Amino acid sequence: MRRKVVGFAADCGASQSQCDNVALAVNEALTNAVLHAYAGREVPGDMTVDASGDERSLDVLVSDDGVGMIPRAEKSPGLGLGVQLMARVSDQLCIANGSQTSPGLRVRLTFVIG
């Protein structure tokens, strides 16, 4: 998924440095979904990545249908730096829990191109 998004970013005109930032942020969002979204479930759910953009900006939405963002448990894996990292390398970060009819987490990353 990450490679496809980075390829799309390059097609939109993103520089190598911008593509590196896209790769890092998307990787963090996907890793967080893998580690946290389906904790305690025998079978994990779905993750989706949607990207849109042009020569000015790239918008990436990483979604899952897991538990959403909840307070971290003491035994939670990871260092807890992923959200900070995504915020640092993107131009805008929006994180929102889903609803009862559409559970999970939505991580929207926006990158200015050019």
PDB file of N, CA and C in Angstrom:
ATOM      1  N   MET A   1       0.826  -1.191   0.000  1.00  0.00           N
ATOM      2  CA  MET A   1       0.000   0.000   0.000  1.00  0.00           C
ATOM      3  C   MET A   1       0.870   1.254   0.000  1.00  0.00           C
ATOM      4  N   ARG A   2       1.880   1.224   0.845  1.00  0.00           N
ATOM      5  CA  ARG A   2       2.761   2.394   0.953  1.00  0.00           C
ATOM      6  C   ARG A   2       3.425   2.697  -0.381  1.00  0.00           C
ATOM      7  N   ARG A   3       3.906   1.674  -1.047  1.00  0.00           N
ATOM      8  CA  ARG A   3       4.593   1.887  -2.339  1.00  0.00           C
ATOM      9  C   ARG A   3       3.666   2.487  -3.376  1.00  0.00           C
ATOM     10  N   LYS A   4       2.421   2.036  -3.393  1.00  0.00           N
ATOM     11  CA  LYS A   4       1.449   2.581  -4.347  1.00  0.00           C
ATOM     12  C   LYS A   4       1.214   4.065  -4.090  1.00  0.00           C
ATOM     13  N   VAL A   5       1.085   4.437  -2.818  1.00  0.00           N
ATOM     14  CA  VAL A   5       0.852   5.838  -2.479  1.00  0.00           C
ATOM     15  C   VAL A   5       2.066   6.686  -2.833  1.00  0.00           C
ATOM     16  N   VAL A   6       3.249   6.182  -2.565  1.00  0.00           N
ATOM     17  CA  VAL A   6       4.469   6.929  -2.902  1.00  0.00           C
ATOM     18  C   VAL A   6       4.586   7.095  -4.414  1.00  0.00           C
ATOM     19  N   GLY A   7       4.263   6.050  -5.156  1.00  0.00           N
ATOM     20  CA  GLY A   7       4.269   6.160  -6.620  1.00  0.00           C
ATOM     21  C   GLY A   7       3.275   7.204  -7.101  1.00  0.00           C
ATOM     22  N   PHE A   8       2.112   7.233  -6.479  1.00  0.00           N
ATOM     23  CA  PHE A   8       1.106   8.231  -6.827  1.00  0.00           C
ATOM     24  C   PHE A   8       1.605   9.636  -6.493  1.00  0.00           C
ATOM     25  N   ALA A   9       2.252   9.785  -5.341  1.00  0.00           N
ATOM     26  CA  ALA A   9       2.813  11.083  -4.953  1.00  0.00           C
ATOM     27  C   ALA A   9       3.835  11.554  -5.981  1.00  0.00           C
ATOM     28  N   ALA A  10       4.692  10.646  -6.425  1.00  0.00           N
ATOM     29  CA  ALA A  10       5.690  10.994  -7.451  1.00  0.00           C
ATOM     30  C   ALA A  10       4.998  11.410  -8.744  1.00  0.00           C
ATOM     31  N   ASP A  11       3.934  10.704  -9.116  1.00  0.00           N
ATOM     32  CA  ASP A  11       3.182  11.057 -10.323  1.00  0.00           C
ATOM     33  C   ASP A  11       2.549  12.437 -10.210  1.00  0.00           C
ATOM     34  N   CYS A  12       2.234  12.864  -8.989  1.00  0.00           N
ATOM     35  CA  CYS A  12       1.673  14.199  -8.757  1.00  0.00           C
ATOM     36  C   CYS A  12       2.752  15.287  -8.769  1.00  0.00           C
ATOM     37  N   GLY A  13       4.032  14.869  -8.811  1.00  0.00           N
ATOM     38  CA  GLY A  13       5.127  15.829  -8.859  1.00  0.00           C
ATOM     39  C   GLY A  13       5.867  16.017  -7.554  1.00  0.00           C
ATOM     40  N   ALA A  14       5.638  15.143  -6.581  1.00  0.00           N
ATOM     41  CA  ALA A  14       6.349  15.255  -5.306  1.00  0.00           C
ATOM     42  C   ALA A  14       7.837  14.996  -5.499  1.00  0.00           C
ATOM     43  N   SER A  15       8.651  15.753  -4.786  1.00  0.00           N
ATOM     44  CA  SER A  15      10.104  15.552  -4.810  1.00  0.00           C
ATOM     45  C   SER A  15      10.449  14.266  -4.064  1.00  0.00           C
ATOM     46  N   GLN A  16      11.698  13.847  -4.169  1.00  0.00           N
ATOM     47  CA  GLN A  16      12.132  12.652  -3.444  1.00  0.00           C
ATOM     48  C   GLN A  16      11.960  12.831  -1.939  1.00  0.00           C
ATOM     49  N   SER A  17      12.302  14.010  -1.443  1.00  0.00           N
ATOM     50  CA  SER A  17      12.143  14.292  -0.012  1.00  0.00           C
ATOM     51  C   SER A  17      10.673  14.218   0.392  1.00  0.00           C
ATOM     52  N   GLN A  18       9.792  14.769  -0.424  1.00  0.00           N
ATOM     53  CA  GLN A  18       8.365  14.700  -0.138  1.00  0.00           C
ATOM     54  C   GLN A  18       7.864  13.262  -0.200  1.00  0.00           C
ATOM     55  N   CYS A  19       8.343  12.496  -1.177  1.00  0.00           N
ATOM     56  CA  CYS A  19       7.966  11.079  -1.266  1.00  0.00           C
ATOM     57  C   CYS A  19       8.437  10.311  -0.034  1.00  0.00           C
ATOM     58  N   ASP A  20       9.612  10.639   0.465  1.00  0.00           N
ATOM     59  CA  ASP A  20      10.113   9.996   1.688  1.00  0.00           C
ATOM     60  C   ASP A  20       9.193  10.301   2.875  1.00  0.00           C
ATOM     61  N   ASN A  21       8.731  11.552   2.970  1.00  0.00           N
ATOM     62  CA  ASN A  21       7.814  11.928   4.048  1.00  0.00           C
ATOM     63  C   ASN A  21       6.476  11.198   3.922  1.00  0.00           C
ATOM     64  N   VAL A  22       5.980  11.083   2.699  1.00  0.00           N
ATOM     65  CA  VAL A  22       4.736  10.349   2.459  1.00  0.00           C
ATOM     66  C   VAL A  22       4.912   8.896   2.888  1.00  0.00           C
ATOM     67  N   ALA A  23       6.019   8.277   2.475  1.00  0.00           N
ATOM     68  CA  ALA A  23       6.281   6.880   2.822  1.00  0.00           C
ATOM     69  C   ALA A  23       6.322   6.690   4.335  1.00  0.00           C
ATOM     70  N   LEU A  24       6.997   7.568   5.029  1.00  0.00           N
ATOM     71  CA  LEU A  24       7.129   7.460   6.479  1.00  0.00           C
ATOM     72  C   LEU A  24       5.784   7.609   7.179  1.00  0.00           C
ATOM     73  N   ALA A  25       5.021   8.617   6.795  1.00  0.00           N
ATOM     74  CA  ALA A  25       3.735   8.869   7.450  1.00  0.00           C
ATOM     75  C   ALA A  25       2.726   7.755   7.161  1.00  0.00           C
ATOM     76  N   VAL A  26       2.641   7.313   5.919  1.00  0.00           N
ATOM     77  CA  VAL A  26       1.701   6.247   5.568  1.00  0.00           C
ATOM     78  C   VAL A  26       2.103   4.948   6.255  1.00  0.00           C
ATOM     79  N   ASN A  27       3.400   4.679   6.308  1.00  0.00           N
ATOM     80  CA  ASN A  27       3.878   3.485   7.002  1.00  0.00           C
ATOM     81  C   ASN A  27       3.470   3.519   8.475  1.00  0.00           C
ATOM     82  N   GLU A  28       3.620   4.661   9.122  1.00  0.00           N
ATOM     83  CA  GLU A  28       3.236   4.790  10.531  1.00  0.00           C
ATOM     84  C   GLU A  28       1.742   4.560  10.720  1.00  0.00           C
ATOM     85  N   ALA A  29       0.921   5.140   9.854  1.00  0.00           N
ATOM     86  CA  ALA A  29      -0.528   4.971   9.969  1.00  0.00           C
ATOM     87  C   ALA A  29      -0.915   3.499   9.792  1.00  0.00           C
ATOM     88  N   LEU A  30      -0.322   2.838   8.804  1.00  0.00           N
ATOM     89  CA  LEU A  30      -0.613   1.418   8.579  1.00  0.00           C
ATOM     90  C   LEU A  30      -0.106   0.555   9.726  1.00  0.00           C
ATOM     91  N   THR A  31       1.078   0.854  10.220  1.00  0.00           N
ATOM     92  CA  THR A  31       1.642   0.090  11.336  1.00  0.00           C
ATOM     93  C   THR A  31       0.765   0.233  12.576  1.00  0.00           C
ATOM     94  N   ASN A  32       0.288   1.449  12.838  1.00  0.00           N
ATOM     95  CA  ASN A  32      -0.596   1.651  13.986  1.00  0.00           C
ATOM     96  C   ASN A  32      -1.867   0.821  13.849  1.00  0.00           C
ATOM     97  N   ALA A  33      -2.417   0.749  12.650  1.00  0.00           N
ATOM     98  CA  ALA A  33      -3.617  -0.069  12.441  1.00  0.00           C
ATOM     99  C   ALA A  33      -3.314  -1.538  12.706  1.00  0.00           C
ATOM    100  N   VAL A  34      -2.186  -2.015  12.209  1.00  0.00           N
ATOM    101  CA  VAL A  34      -1.820  -3.423  12.409  1.00  0.00           C
ATOM    102  C   VAL A  34      -1.635  -3.727  13.895  1.00  0.00           C
ATOM    103  N   LEU A  35      -0.959  -2.834  14.607  1.00  0.00           N
ATOM    104  CA  LEU A  35      -0.646  -3.088  16.015  1.00  0.00           C
ATOM    105  C   LEU A  35      -1.816  -2.872  16.967  1.00  0.00           C
ATOM    106  N   HIS A  36      -2.678  -1.900  16.661  1.00  0.00           N
ATOM    107  CA  HIS A  36      -3.660  -1.478  17.645  1.00  0.00           C
ATOM    108  C   HIS A  36      -5.120  -1.698  17.272  1.00  0.00           C
ATOM    109  N   ALA A  37      -5.466  -1.621  16.010  1.00  0.00           N
ATOM    110  CA  ALA A  37      -6.877  -1.612  15.617  1.00  0.00           C
ATOM    111  C   ALA A  37      -7.617  -2.892  15.971  1.00  0.00           C
ATOM    112  N   TYR A  38      -6.929  -4.011  15.879  1.00  0.00           N
ATOM    113  CA  TYR A  38      -7.607  -5.297  16.036  1.00  0.00           C
ATOM    114  C   TYR A  38      -7.083  -6.087  17.229  1.00  0.00           C
ATOM    115  N   ALA A  39      -6.534  -5.378  18.204  1.00  0.00           N
ATOM    116  CA  ALA A  39      -6.021  -6.038  19.405  1.00  0.00           C
ATOM    117  C   ALA A  39      -7.144  -6.827  20.074  1.00  0.00           C
ATOM    118  N   GLY A  40      -6.853  -8.065  20.401  1.00  0.00           N
ATOM    119  CA  GLY A  40      -7.822  -8.908  21.066  1.00  0.00           C
ATOM    120  C   GLY A  40      -8.748  -9.668  20.139  1.00  0.00           C
ATOM    121  N   ARG A  41      -8.676  -9.397  18.853  1.00  0.00           N
ATOM    122  CA  ARG A  41      -9.499 -10.126  17.891  1.00  0.00           C
ATOM    123  C   ARG A  41      -8.712 -11.294  17.324  1.00  0.00           C
ATOM    124  N   GLU A  42      -9.399 -12.392  17.094  1.00  0.00           N
ATOM    125  CA  GLU A  42      -8.730 -13.533  16.464  1.00  0.00           C
ATOM    126  C   GLU A  42      -8.467 -13.271  14.983  1.00  0.00           C
ATOM    127  N   VAL A  43      -9.401 -12.572  14.347  1.00  0.00           N
ATOM    128  CA  VAL A  43      -9.281 -12.284  12.920  1.00  0.00           C
ATOM    129  C   VAL A  43      -9.265 -10.770  12.746  1.00  0.00           C
ATOM    130  N   PRO A  44      -8.219 -10.239  12.126  1.00  0.00           N
ATOM    131  CA  PRO A  44      -8.179  -8.787  11.918  1.00  0.00           C
ATOM    132  C   PRO A  44      -9.202  -8.352  10.872  1.00  0.00           C
ATOM    133  N   GLY A  45      -9.520  -7.083  10.890  1.00  0.00           N
ATOM    134  CA  GLY A  45     -10.451  -6.524   9.919  1.00  0.00           C
ATOM    135  C   GLY A  45      -9.723  -5.928   8.737  1.00  0.00           C
ATOM    136  N   ASP A  46     -10.405  -5.039   8.068  1.00  0.00           N
ATOM    137  CA  ASP A  46      -9.875  -4.429   6.849  1.00  0.00           C
ATOM    138  C   ASP A  46      -9.148  -3.122   7.136  1.00  0.00           C
ATOM    139  N   MET A  47      -8.200  -2.797   6.265  1.00  0.00           N
ATOM    140  CA  MET A  47      -7.553  -1.491   6.227  1.00  0.00           C
ATOM    141  C   MET A  47      -7.670  -1.010   4.796  1.00  0.00           C
ATOM    142  N   THR A  48      -7.899   0.267   4.624  1.00  0.00           N
ATOM    143  CA  THR A  48      -7.943   0.834   3.285  1.00  0.00           C
ATOM    144  C   THR A  48      -7.073   2.076   3.232  1.00  0.00           C
ATOM    145  N   VAL A  49      -6.560   2.337   2.057  1.00  0.00           N
ATOM    146  CA  VAL A  49      -5.791   3.555   1.810  1.00  0.00           C
ATOM    147  C   VAL A  49      -6.363   4.186   0.551  1.00  0.00           C
ATOM    148  N   ASP A  50      -6.782   5.440   0.664  1.00  0.00           N
ATOM    149  CA  ASP A  50      -7.282   6.207  -0.467  1.00  0.00           C
ATOM    150  C   ASP A  50      -6.394   7.430  -0.617  1.00  0.00           C
ATOM    151  N   ALA A  51      -5.989   7.714  -1.846  1.00  0.00           N
ATOM    152  CA  ALA A  51      -5.142   8.881  -2.102  1.00  0.00           C
ATOM    153  C   ALA A  51      -5.721   9.676  -3.267  1.00  0.00           C
ATOM    154  N   SER A  52      -5.659  10.980  -3.124  1.00  0.00           N
ATOM    155  CA  SER A  52      -6.038  11.870  -4.211  1.00  0.00           C
ATOM    156  C   SER A  52      -5.051  13.022  -4.207  1.00  0.00           C
ATOM    157  N   GLY A  53      -4.864  13.610  -5.354  1.00  0.00           N
ATOM    158  CA  GLY A  53      -3.926  14.721  -5.388  1.00  0.00           C
ATOM    159  C   GLY A  53      -3.757  15.292  -6.773  1.00  0.00           C
ATOM    160  N   ASP A  54      -2.979  16.340  -6.820  1.00  0.00           N
ATOM    161  CA  ASP A  54      -2.608  16.998  -8.059  1.00  0.00           C
ATOM    162  C   ASP A  54      -1.226  17.605  -7.861  1.00  0.00           C
ATOM    163  N   GLU A  55      -0.837  18.517  -8.732  1.00  0.00           N
ATOM    164  CA  GLU A  55       0.521  19.070  -8.635  1.00  0.00           C
ATOM    165  C   GLU A  55       0.709  19.995  -7.437  1.00  0.00           C
ATOM    166  N   ARG A  56      -0.355  20.273  -6.673  1.00  0.00           N
ATOM    167  CA  ARG A  56      -0.259  21.167  -5.521  1.00  0.00           C
ATOM    168  C   ARG A  56      -0.305  20.452  -4.176  1.00  0.00           C
ATOM    169  N   SER A  57      -1.073  19.367  -4.105  1.00  0.00           N
ATOM    170  CA  SER A  57      -1.199  18.692  -2.811  1.00  0.00           C
ATOM    171  C   SER A  57      -1.585  17.230  -2.986  1.00  0.00           C
ATOM    172  N   LEU A  58      -1.329  16.482  -1.938  1.00  0.00           N
ATOM    173  CA  LEU A  58      -1.655  15.064  -1.881  1.00  0.00           C
ATOM    174  C   LEU A  58      -2.426  14.828  -0.594  1.00  0.00           C
ATOM    175  N   ASP A  59      -3.531  14.118  -0.695  1.00  0.00           N
ATOM    176  CA  ASP A  59      -4.357  13.802   0.458  1.00  0.00           C
ATOM    177  C   ASP A  59      -4.444  12.287   0.560  1.00  0.00           C
ATOM    178  N   VAL A  60      -4.084  11.735   1.715  1.00  0.00           N
ATOM    179  CA  VAL A  60      -4.093  10.290   1.927  1.00  0.00           C
ATOM    180  C   VAL A  60      -4.972   9.987   3.133  1.00  0.00           C
ATOM    181  N   LEU A  61      -5.894   9.040   2.968  1.00  0.00           N
ATOM    182  CA  LEU A  61      -6.766   8.610   4.051  1.00  0.00           C
ATOM    183  C   LEU A  61      -6.503   7.136   4.326  1.00  0.00           C
ATOM    184  N   VAL A  62      -6.046   6.838   5.535  1.00  0.00           N
ATOM    185  CA  VAL A  62      -5.825   5.462   5.983  1.00  0.00           C
ATOM    186  C   VAL A  62      -6.944   5.142   6.959  1.00  0.00           C
ATOM    187  N   SER A  63      -7.719   4.103   6.662  1.00  0.00           N
ATOM    188  CA  SER A  63      -8.879   3.746   7.483  1.00  0.00           C
ATOM    189  C   SER A  63      -8.821   2.283   7.893  1.00  0.00           C
ATOM    190  N   ASP A  64      -9.406   2.003   9.045  1.00  0.00           N
ATOM    191  CA  ASP A  64      -9.584   0.618   9.471  1.00  0.00           C
ATOM    192  C   ASP A  64     -10.962   0.513  10.106  1.00  0.00           C
ATOM    193  N   ASP A  65     -11.383  -0.708  10.408  1.00  0.00           N
ATOM    194  CA  ASP A  65     -12.671  -0.895  11.075  1.00  0.00           C
ATOM    195  C   ASP A  65     -12.468  -1.528  12.447  1.00  0.00           C
ATOM    196  N   GLY A  66     -11.388  -1.113  13.091  1.00  0.00           N
ATOM    197  CA  GLY A  66     -11.033  -1.638  14.407  1.00  0.00           C
ATOM    198  C   GLY A  66     -11.687  -0.889  15.546  1.00  0.00           C
ATOM    199  N   VAL A  67     -10.984  -0.840  16.676  1.00  0.00           N
ATOM    200  CA  VAL A  67     -11.527  -0.275  17.913  1.00  0.00           C
ATOM    201  C   VAL A  67     -11.468   1.249  17.973  1.00  0.00           C
ATOM    202  N   GLY A  68     -10.799   1.880  17.050  1.00  0.00           N
ATOM    203  CA  GLY A  68     -10.641   3.330  17.098  1.00  0.00           C
ATOM    204  C   GLY A  68      -9.511   3.711  18.048  1.00  0.00           C
ATOM    205  N   MET A  69      -9.350   4.998  18.262  1.00  0.00           N
ATOM    206  CA  MET A  69      -8.293   5.458  19.150  1.00  0.00           C
ATOM    207  C   MET A  69      -8.819   5.456  20.576  1.00  0.00           C
ATOM    208  N   ILE A  70      -8.212   4.636  21.386  1.00  0.00           N
ATOM    209  CA  ILE A  70      -8.591   4.510  22.786  1.00  0.00           C
ATOM    210  C   ILE A  70      -7.339   4.724  23.632  1.00  0.00           C
ATOM    211  N   PRO A  71      -7.501   5.003  24.918  1.00  0.00           N
ATOM    212  CA  PRO A  71      -6.308   5.173  25.773  1.00  0.00           C
ATOM    213  C   PRO A  71      -5.400   3.941  25.687  1.00  0.00           C
ATOM    214  N   ARG A  72      -4.112   4.189  25.660  1.00  0.00           N
ATOM    215  CA  ARG A  72      -3.126   3.105  25.547  1.00  0.00           C
ATOM    216  C   ARG A  72      -3.093   2.262  26.811  1.00  0.00           C
ATOM    217  N   ALA A  73      -3.010   0.972  26.603  1.00  0.00           N
ATOM    218  CA  ALA A  73      -2.814   0.049  27.723  1.00  0.00           C
ATOM    219  C   ALA A  73      -1.330   0.013  28.069  1.00  0.00           C
ATOM    220  N   GLU A  74      -1.025  -0.312  29.276  1.00  0.00           N
ATOM    221  CA  GLU A  74       0.375  -0.383  29.704  1.00  0.00           C
ATOM    222  C   GLU A  74       1.197  -1.322  28.836  1.00  0.00           C
ATOM    223  N   LYS A  75       0.610  -2.421  28.393  1.00  0.00           N
ATOM    224  CA  LYS A  75       1.341  -3.415  27.620  1.00  0.00           C
ATOM    225  C   LYS A  75       1.234  -3.195  26.125  1.00  0.00           C
ATOM    226  N   SER A  76       0.779  -2.019  25.707  1.00  0.00           N
ATOM    227  CA  SER A  76       0.625  -1.723  24.290  1.00  0.00           C
ATOM    228  C   SER A  76       1.990  -1.699  23.611  1.00  0.00           C
ATOM    229  N   PRO A  77       2.117  -2.365  22.444  1.00  0.00           N
ATOM    230  CA  PRO A  77       3.401  -2.344  21.758  1.00  0.00           C
ATOM    231  C   PRO A  77       3.704  -0.966  21.172  1.00  0.00           C
ATOM    232  N   GLY A  78       4.939  -0.708  20.911  1.00  0.00           N
ATOM    233  CA  GLY A  78       5.343   0.547  20.297  1.00  0.00           C
ATOM    234  C   GLY A  78       5.784   1.579  21.313  1.00  0.00           C
ATOM    235  N   LEU A  79       6.369   2.640  20.806  1.00  0.00           N
ATOM    236  CA  LEU A  79       6.897   3.701  21.658  1.00  0.00           C
ATOM    237  C   LEU A  79       5.943   4.870  21.828  1.00  0.00           C
ATOM    238  N   GLY A  80       4.863   4.888  21.050  1.00  0.00           N
ATOM    239  CA  GLY A  80       3.915   5.979  21.142  1.00  0.00           C
ATOM    240  C   GLY A  80       4.354   7.235  20.415  1.00  0.00           C
ATOM    241  N   LEU A  81       5.250   7.108  19.455  1.00  0.00           N
ATOM    242  CA  LEU A  81       5.763   8.267  18.729  1.00  0.00           C
ATOM    243  C   LEU A  81       5.187   8.406  17.328  1.00  0.00           C
ATOM    244  N   GLY A  82       4.390   7.439  16.889  1.00  0.00           N
ATOM    245  CA  GLY A  82       3.893   7.423  15.517  1.00  0.00           C
ATOM    246  C   GLY A  82       3.068   8.639  15.153  1.00  0.00           C
ATOM    247  N   VAL A  83       2.160   9.056  16.019  1.00  0.00           N
ATOM    248  CA  VAL A  83       1.312  10.205  15.729  1.00  0.00           C
ATOM    249  C   VAL A  83       2.159  11.471  15.633  1.00  0.00           C
ATOM    250  N   GLN A  84       3.105  11.627  16.545  1.00  0.00           N
ATOM    251  CA  GLN A  84       3.994  12.795  16.494  1.00  0.00           C
ATOM    252  C   GLN A  84       4.795  12.815  15.198  1.00  0.00           C
ATOM    253  N   LEU A  85       5.256  11.659  14.791  1.00  0.00           N
ATOM    254  CA  LEU A  85       6.036  11.557  13.554  1.00  0.00           C
ATOM    255  C   LEU A  85       5.186  11.914  12.340  1.00  0.00           C
ATOM    256  N   MET A  86       3.957  11.381  12.285  1.00  0.00           N
ATOM    257  CA  MET A  86       3.063  11.711  11.168  1.00  0.00           C
ATOM    258  C   MET A  86       2.788  13.209  11.117  1.00  0.00           C
ATOM    259  N   ALA A  87       2.584  13.817  12.277  1.00  0.00           N
ATOM    260  CA  ALA A  87       2.320  15.255  12.334  1.00  0.00           C
ATOM    261  C   ALA A  87       3.526  16.061  11.865  1.00  0.00           C
ATOM    262  N   ARG A  88       4.695  15.583  12.185  1.00  0.00           N
ATOM    263  CA  ARG A  88       5.915  16.317  11.833  1.00  0.00           C
ATOM    264  C   ARG A  88       6.212  16.287  10.330  1.00  0.00           C
ATOM    265  N   VAL A  89       5.970  15.145   9.675  1.00  0.00           N
ATOM    266  CA  VAL A  89       6.357  15.031   8.267  1.00  0.00           C
ATOM    267  C   VAL A  89       5.236  15.386   7.293  1.00  0.00           C
ATOM    268  N   SER A  90       4.009  15.530   7.790  1.00  0.00           N
ATOM    269  CA  SER A  90       2.908  15.939   6.919  1.00  0.00           C
ATOM    270  C   SER A  90       2.628  17.422   7.134  1.00  0.00           C
ATOM    271  N   ASP A  91       1.867  18.007   6.221  1.00  0.00           N
ATOM    272  CA  ASP A  91       1.492  19.403   6.383  1.00  0.00           C
ATOM    273  C   ASP A  91       0.209  19.551   7.189  1.00  0.00           C
ATOM    274  N   GLN A  92      -0.594  18.500   7.214  1.00  0.00           N
ATOM    275  CA  GLN A  92      -1.790  18.491   8.042  1.00  0.00           C
ATOM    276  C   GLN A  92      -2.117  17.051   8.396  1.00  0.00           C
ATOM    277  N   LEU A  93      -2.504  16.837   9.647  1.00  0.00           N
ATOM    278  CA  LEU A  93      -2.877  15.514  10.140  1.00  0.00           C
ATOM    279  C   LEU A  93      -4.215  15.639  10.853  1.00  0.00           C
ATOM    280  N   CYS A  94      -5.142  14.782  10.487  1.00  0.00           N
ATOM    281  CA  CYS A  94      -6.439  14.744  11.153  1.00  0.00           C
ATOM    282  C   CYS A  94      -6.730  13.287  11.494  1.00  0.00           C
ATOM    283  N   ILE A  95      -7.010  13.029  12.761  1.00  0.00           N
ATOM    284  CA  ILE A  95      -7.303  11.674  13.230  1.00  0.00           C
ATOM    285  C   ILE A  95      -8.689  11.697  13.850  1.00  0.00           C
ATOM    286  N   ALA A  96      -9.545  10.777  13.411  1.00  0.00           N
ATOM    287  CA  ALA A  96     -10.905  10.744  13.924  1.00  0.00           C
ATOM    288  C   ALA A  96     -11.381   9.310  14.092  1.00  0.00           C
ATOM    289  N   ASN A  97     -12.065   9.074  15.187  1.00  0.00           N
ATOM    290  CA  ASN A  97     -12.722   7.793  15.376  1.00  0.00           C
ATOM    291  C   ASN A  97     -13.937   7.732  14.467  1.00  0.00           C
ATOM    292  N   GLY A  98     -14.271   6.528  14.061  1.00  0.00           N
ATOM    293  CA  GLY A  98     -15.467   6.320  13.254  1.00  0.00           C
ATOM    294  C   GLY A  98     -16.718   6.455  14.111  1.00  0.00           C
ATOM    295  N   SER A  99     -17.803   5.924  13.597  1.00  0.00           N
ATOM    296  CA  SER A  99     -19.083   5.990  14.287  1.00  0.00           C
ATOM    297  C   SER A  99     -19.562   4.577  14.610  1.00  0.00           C
ATOM    298  N   GLN A 100     -20.729   4.473  15.223  1.00  0.00           N
ATOM    299  CA  GLN A 100     -21.276   3.144  15.520  1.00  0.00           C
ATOM    300  C   GLN A 100     -21.549   2.371  14.245  1.00  0.00           C
ATOM    301  N   THR A 101     -21.973   3.056  13.203  1.00  0.00           N
ATOM    302  CA  THR A 101     -22.277   2.367  11.949  1.00  0.00           C
ATOM    303  C   THR A 101     -21.044   2.151  11.084  1.00  0.00           C
ATOM    304  N   SER A 102     -19.994   2.903  11.345  1.00  0.00           N
ATOM    305  CA  SER A 102     -18.740   2.772  10.594  1.00  0.00           C
ATOM    306  C   SER A 102     -17.574   2.908  11.576  1.00  0.00           C
ATOM    307  N   PRO A 103     -17.299   1.836  12.355  1.00  0.00           N
ATOM    308  CA  PRO A 103     -16.285   1.922  13.410  1.00  0.00           C
ATOM    309  C   PRO A 103     -14.869   2.023  12.847  1.00  0.00           C
ATOM    310  N   GLY A 104     -13.942   2.235  13.731  1.00  0.00           N
ATOM    311  CA  GLY A 104     -12.533   2.255  13.348  1.00  0.00           C
ATOM    312  C   GLY A 104     -11.911   3.619  13.509  1.00  0.00           C
ATOM    313  N   LEU A 105     -10.830   3.805  12.800  1.00  0.00           N
ATOM    314  CA  LEU A 105     -10.067   5.042  12.876  1.00  0.00           C
ATOM    315  C   LEU A 105      -9.802   5.538  11.468  1.00  0.00           C
ATOM    316  N   ARG A 106      -9.837   6.855  11.300  1.00  0.00           N
ATOM    317  CA  ARG A 106      -9.525   7.501  10.031  1.00  0.00           C
ATOM    318  C   ARG A 106      -8.348   8.434  10.257  1.00  0.00           C
ATOM    319  N   VAL A 107      -7.272   8.207   9.530  1.00  0.00           N
ATOM    320  CA  VAL A 107      -6.090   9.063   9.617  1.00  0.00           C
ATOM    321  C   VAL A 107      -5.938   9.744   8.263  1.00  0.00           C
ATOM    322  N   ARG A 108      -6.137  11.054   8.243  1.00  0.00           N
ATOM    323  CA  ARG A 108      -6.010  11.825   7.004  1.00  0.00           C
ATOM    324  C   ARG A 108      -4.713  12.625   7.051  1.00  0.00           C
ATOM    325  N   LEU A 109      -3.877  12.401   6.046  1.00  0.00           N
ATOM    326  CA  LEU A 109      -2.584  13.082   5.929  1.00  0.00           C
ATOM    327  C   LEU A 109      -2.612  13.960   4.680  1.00  0.00           C
ATOM    328  N   THR A 110      -2.233  15.209   4.827  1.00  0.00           N
ATOM    329  CA  THR A 110      -2.165  16.109   3.684  1.00  0.00           C
ATOM    330  C   THR A 110      -0.725  16.587   3.530  1.00  0.00           C
ATOM    331  N   PHE A 111      -0.269  16.577   2.285  1.00  0.00           N
ATOM    332  CA  PHE A 111       1.085  16.994   1.959  1.00  0.00           C
ATOM    333  C   PHE A 111       1.019  18.042   0.860  1.00  0.00           C
ATOM    334  N   VAL A 112       1.717  19.145   1.063  1.00  0.00           N
ATOM    335  CA  VAL A 112       1.829  20.166   0.011  1.00  0.00           C
ATOM    336  C   VAL A 112       2.892  19.695  -0.965  1.00  0.00           C
ATOM    337  N   ILE A 113       2.569  19.729  -2.240  1.00  0.00           N
ATOM    338  CA  ILE A 113       3.486  19.299  -3.299  1.00  0.00           C
ATOM    339  C   ILE A 113       4.085  20.533  -3.952  1.00  0.00           C
ATOM    340  N   GLY A 114       5.368  20.457  -4.262  1.00  0.00           N
ATOM    341  CA  GLY A 114       6.007  21.561  -4.982  1.00  0.00           C
ATOM    342  C   GLY A 114       7.006  22.316  -4.159  1.00  0.00           C
TER     343      GLY A 114
END
